Amino acid sequence: MIWVFFIAIGVLLIGGFAALVVGRVGYDPLSEATTTQADPVLSEELGAGEVAAVRFDTALRGYRMDQVDAVLDRLQARIAELEAGDQHVEAEDQHLGAGDQHLGAGDQHR
């Protein structure tokens, strides 16, 4: 009686394998990833705060989250550093521009 069960299982396995080979049954171990949010869009004037707000979907075959987070953290720090440098240069330019205006005013009195 048990041998009938094993024969039935064998027939089902052979039939399933044959259907897979012939193409009647599809098999895709890595199907398309599902999306739960819109693609992150960064503006032209990318800022450090904008990098901090980026979130990605997670997926079985995706990237390692710890590596992506580490790279984004470094990128955010570098952008913040560049933004701080730009603000420092703009402040110096404004200060020098104000000094030039004072020199020009003194030259007119002579």
Protein backbone atom coordinates (compact mmCIF):
# COMPACT_ATOMS: atom_id res chain seq x y z
CA MET A 1 0.00 0.00 0.00
CA ILE A 2 2.81 2.46 0.81
CA TRP A 3 4.46 1.75 -2.50
CA VAL A 4 1.38 3.19 -4.29
CA PHE A 5 1.95 6.44 -2.41
CA PHE A 6 5.62 6.58 -3.49
CA ILE A 7 4.69 5.83 -7.11
CA ALA A 8 2.11 8.66 -7.05
CA ILE A 9 4.69 11.07 -5.62
CA GLY A 10 7.21 9.97 -8.27
CA VAL A 11 4.70 10.51 -11.09
CA LEU A 12 3.89 13.98 -9.75
CA LEU A 13 7.57 14.91 -9.51
CA ILE A 14 8.32 13.68 -13.03
CA GLY A 15 5.24 15.48 -14.39
CA GLY A 16 6.18 18.71 -12.65
CA PHE A 17 9.77 18.55 -13.90
CA ALA A 18 8.56 17.82 -17.45
CA ALA A 19 6.16 20.80 -17.32
CA LEU A 20 9.00 23.01 -16.14
CA VAL A 21 11.32 21.85 -18.93
CA VAL A 22 8.67 22.19 -21.63
CA GLY A 23 7.77 25.68 -20.41
CA ARG A 24 4.23 25.03 -19.24
CA VAL A 25 5.19 26.16 -15.73
CA GLY A 26 7.28 29.27 -15.19
CA TYR A 27 9.98 29.56 -12.54
CA ASP A 28 11.55 32.87 -11.63
CA PRO A 29 13.60 32.76 -8.43
CA LEU A 30 14.25 36.52 -8.57
CA SER A 31 11.01 38.19 -9.50
CA GLU A 32 10.75 41.95 -9.90
CA ALA A 33 11.09 43.94 -6.70
CA THR A 34 7.97 45.59 -5.37
CA THR A 35 7.92 49.31 -4.69
CA THR A 36 6.40 50.80 -1.57
CA GLN A 37 7.42 54.41 -2.17
CA ALA A 38 8.26 56.77 -5.00
CA ASP A 39 11.78 56.90 -6.35
CA PRO A 40 13.92 59.30 -4.33
CA VAL A 41 14.35 62.46 -6.36
CA LEU A 42 17.14 64.85 -5.47
CA SER A 43 16.98 68.51 -6.45
CA GLU A 44 19.59 70.29 -8.54
CA GLU A 45 20.75 72.20 -5.45
CA LEU A 46 21.53 69.03 -3.51
CA GLY A 47 22.04 69.69 0.19
CA ALA A 48 23.25 67.60 3.12
CA GLY A 49 19.78 67.61 4.67
CA GLU A 50 18.32 66.21 1.48
CA VAL A 51 20.76 63.28 1.50
CA ALA A 52 19.77 62.54 5.10
CA ALA A 53 16.12 62.30 4.06
CA VAL A 54 16.66 59.73 1.27
CA ARG A 55 15.03 56.36 1.93
CA PHE A 56 15.15 53.27 -0.28
CA ASP A 57 12.91 50.23 -0.53
CA THR A 58 14.31 47.05 0.89
CA ALA A 59 14.47 43.91 -1.22
CA LEU A 60 15.73 40.38 -0.86
CA ARG A 61 18.21 40.81 -3.68
CA GLY A 62 18.98 44.46 -3.00
CA TYR A 63 22.05 46.09 -1.54
CA ARG A 64 23.24 45.67 2.01
CA MET A 65 21.58 48.42 3.97
CA ASP A 66 24.57 48.98 6.24
CA GLN A 67 26.85 49.65 3.26
CA VAL A 68 24.37 52.02 1.61
CA ASP A 69 23.85 53.85 4.91
CA ALA A 70 27.62 54.20 5.42
CA VAL A 71 28.13 55.66 1.94
CA LEU A 72 25.19 58.04 2.35
CA ASP A 73 26.54 59.17 5.73
CA ARG A 74 29.94 59.94 4.17
CA LEU A 75 28.28 61.72 1.26
CA GLN A 76 26.12 63.78 3.60
CA ALA A 77 29.15 64.77 5.70
CA ARG A 78 31.11 65.80 2.60
CA ILE A 79 28.23 67.88 1.23
CA ALA A 80 27.80 69.58 4.62
CA GLU A 81 31.54 70.34 4.65
CA LEU A 82 31.36 71.84 1.15
CA GLU A 83 28.27 73.86 2.06
CA ALA A 84 30.04 75.25 5.13
CA GLY A 85 33.05 76.17 2.98
CA ASP A 86 30.81 77.92 0.45
CA GLN A 87 29.12 79.94 3.20
CA HIS A 88 32.54 80.91 4.58
CA VAL A 89 33.73 82.05 1.13
CA GLU A 90 30.49 84.03 0.56
CA ALA A 91 30.89 85.72 3.93
CA GLU A 92 34.49 86.68 3.08
CA ASP A 93 33.39 88.02 -0.31
CA GLN A 94 30.69 90.14 1.32
CA HIS A 95 33.18 91.42 3.89
CA LEU A 96 35.76 92.29 1.23
CA GLY A 97 33.08 93.91 -0.94
CA ALA A 98 32.04 96.12 1.98
CA GLY A 99 35.69 97.09 2.53
CA ASP A 100 36.07 98.08 -1.12
CA GLN A 101 33.02 100.31 -0.84
CA HIS A 102 34.54 102.09 2.17
CA LEU A 103 37.83 102.63 0.29
CA GLY A 104 36.00 104.03 -2.69
CA ALA A 105 34.11 106.49 -0.48
CA GLY A 106 37.39 107.72 1.09
CA ASP A 107 38.94 108.30 -2.32
CA GLN A 108 36.11 110.61 -3.31
CA HIS A 109 36.78 112.95 -0.36
CA ARG A 110 40.36 113.64 -1.47
